[in-house]
């Protein structure tokens, strides 16, 4: 089964991702093929360059072809992207200061990025 995770709730990236999902992925016993992760609000902070969770995640994502995308508007608000609010949702915002492989976008960009490898399930945490 292929899954995509949306990290929406407060601390989802520092709790569910960091203490459950990521160790399972690293250990090879997660049980599902993760095809993408989408980060909202303060969950985007784990994607900052140098963040221990983000660096571990970037390594796994690179090895397994997992999409790492953060909400473009959330990223602009947190100085993790180049662009303006008017550009959000159009694919014109670029991630900056993040771990390797992270992109910024909104739902249209997420759908496009996962289009060639769609998940069977989307799990929002």
Protein backbone atom coordinates (compact mmCIF):
# COMPACT_ATOMS: atom_id res chain seq x y z
CA UNK A 1 0.00 0.00 0.00
CA UNK A 2 1.25 3.47 -0.91
CA UNK A 3 0.60 6.31 1.53
CA UNK A 4 1.13 10.05 1.68
CA UNK A 5 1.27 11.93 4.96
CA UNK A 6 0.01 15.42 5.63
CA UNK A 7 1.49 16.97 8.77
CA UNK A 8 -1.17 19.45 9.85
CA UNK A 9 -1.61 19.24 13.63
CA UNK A 10 0.65 21.03 16.09
CA UNK A 11 3.83 19.05 16.66
CA UNK A 12 2.90 16.27 14.22
CA UNK A 13 6.37 16.46 12.68
CA UNK A 14 8.19 16.40 16.01
CA UNK A 15 5.98 13.70 17.53
CA UNK A 16 4.40 11.31 15.03
CA UNK A 17 7.05 11.81 12.34
CA UNK A 18 10.15 12.00 14.53
CA UNK A 19 9.29 9.32 17.07
CA UNK A 20 7.17 6.88 15.08
CA UNK A 21 7.23 7.14 11.28
CA UNK A 22 10.87 8.12 10.72
CA UNK A 23 12.39 5.44 12.99
CA UNK A 24 10.16 2.84 11.31
CA UNK A 25 11.26 3.99 7.85
CA UNK A 26 14.91 3.95 8.92
CA UNK A 27 14.49 0.48 10.42
CA UNK A 28 12.67 -0.89 7.38
CA UNK A 29 9.51 -1.93 9.21
CA UNK A 30 7.04 0.89 8.52
CA UNK A 31 4.75 -1.44 6.61
CA UNK A 32 3.67 0.96 3.86
CA UNK A 33 5.39 2.52 0.87
CA UNK A 34 5.52 6.26 1.63
CA UNK A 35 5.32 8.28 -1.58
CA UNK A 36 4.98 11.78 -0.18
CA UNK A 37 4.87 14.07 2.82
CA UNK A 38 3.27 17.52 2.93
CA UNK A 39 3.96 19.92 5.80
CA UNK A 40 1.78 22.77 7.11
CA UNK A 41 2.31 25.56 9.63
CA UNK A 42 5.12 25.09 12.18
CA UNK A 43 5.63 21.51 11.01
CA UNK A 44 7.67 23.08 8.20
CA UNK A 45 10.43 23.94 10.69
CA UNK A 46 11.73 20.33 10.72
CA UNK A 47 12.63 20.85 7.07
CA UNK A 48 15.17 23.59 7.87
CA UNK A 49 18.72 22.83 6.79
CA UNK A 50 20.64 21.36 9.71
CA UNK A 51 17.56 20.21 11.64
CA UNK A 52 18.35 16.67 12.90
CA UNK A 53 14.88 15.33 12.07
CA UNK A 54 14.88 17.00 8.67
CA UNK A 55 18.34 15.74 7.77
CA UNK A 56 17.38 12.16 8.65
CA UNK A 57 14.15 12.54 6.68
CA UNK A 58 15.94 13.99 3.65
CA UNK A 59 18.28 10.97 3.59
CA UNK A 60 15.38 8.50 3.64
CA UNK A 61 13.42 10.55 1.09
CA UNK A 62 16.40 10.61 -1.28
CA UNK A 63 16.94 6.84 -0.94
CA UNK A 64 13.26 5.96 -1.43
CA UNK A 65 12.02 8.68 -3.76
CA UNK A 66 9.66 10.25 -1.21
CA UNK A 67 8.26 13.66 -2.11
CA UNK A 68 8.91 16.30 0.58
CA UNK A 69 6.75 19.38 0.06
CA UNK A 70 5.78 22.21 2.36
CA UNK A 71 2.86 24.58 2.05
CA UNK A 72 4.14 27.55 0.07
CA UNK A 73 2.20 30.10 2.11
CA UNK A 74 3.34 28.53 5.39
CA UNK A 75 6.94 28.56 4.12
CA UNK A 76 6.79 32.21 3.01
CA UNK A 77 5.44 33.17 6.46
CA UNK A 78 8.36 31.35 8.13
CA UNK A 79 11.11 32.60 5.79
CA UNK A 80 11.60 29.12 4.35
CA UNK A 81 10.73 30.13 0.80
CA UNK A 82 11.29 32.83 -1.78
CA UNK A 83 8.12 34.34 -3.15
CA UNK A 84 5.08 36.37 -2.24
CA UNK A 85 1.62 35.47 -1.02
CA UNK A 86 0.29 36.40 -4.45
CA UNK A 87 2.48 33.67 -5.98
CA UNK A 88 1.23 30.98 -3.61
CA UNK A 89 -0.72 28.18 -5.24
CA UNK A 90 0.70 28.89 -8.67
CA UNK A 91 3.98 26.97 -8.40
CA UNK A 92 6.09 30.14 -8.32
CA UNK A 93 7.36 29.88 -4.72
CA UNK A 94 10.77 28.26 -4.16
CA UNK A 95 11.95 26.60 -0.95
CA UNK A 96 15.06 28.09 0.65
CA UNK A 97 17.19 27.18 3.64
CA UNK A 98 15.78 23.66 3.75
CA UNK A 99 17.17 20.17 3.76
CA UNK A 100 17.89 18.63 0.36
CA UNK A 101 14.95 17.79 -1.86
CA UNK A 102 12.24 19.95 -0.31
CA UNK A 103 9.85 21.84 -2.55
CA UNK A 104 7.24 24.47 -1.72
CA UNK A 105 3.79 24.37 -3.21
CA UNK A 106 0.08 24.16 -2.70
CA UNK A 107 -2.48 21.52 -3.56
CA UNK A 108 -2.16 21.92 -7.35
CA UNK A 109 1.59 21.29 -7.11
CA UNK A 110 1.06 18.40 -4.68
CA UNK A 111 -1.43 16.71 -7.03
CA UNK A 112 0.93 17.15 -9.96
CA UNK A 113 3.95 15.85 -8.04
CA UNK A 114 2.10 12.74 -6.85
CA UNK A 115 0.29 12.22 -10.16
CA UNK A 116 2.79 9.75 -11.56
CA UNK A 117 2.95 7.81 -8.26
CA UNK A 118 -0.39 8.35 -6.49
CA UNK A 119 -0.95 7.11 -2.94
CA UNK A 120 -3.66 4.60 -2.08
CA UNK A 121 -4.23 6.40 1.21
CA UNK A 122 -3.66 9.95 2.46
CA UNK A 123 -3.15 10.22 6.20
CA UNK A 124 -3.48 13.57 7.95
CA UNK A 125 -1.72 13.90 11.29
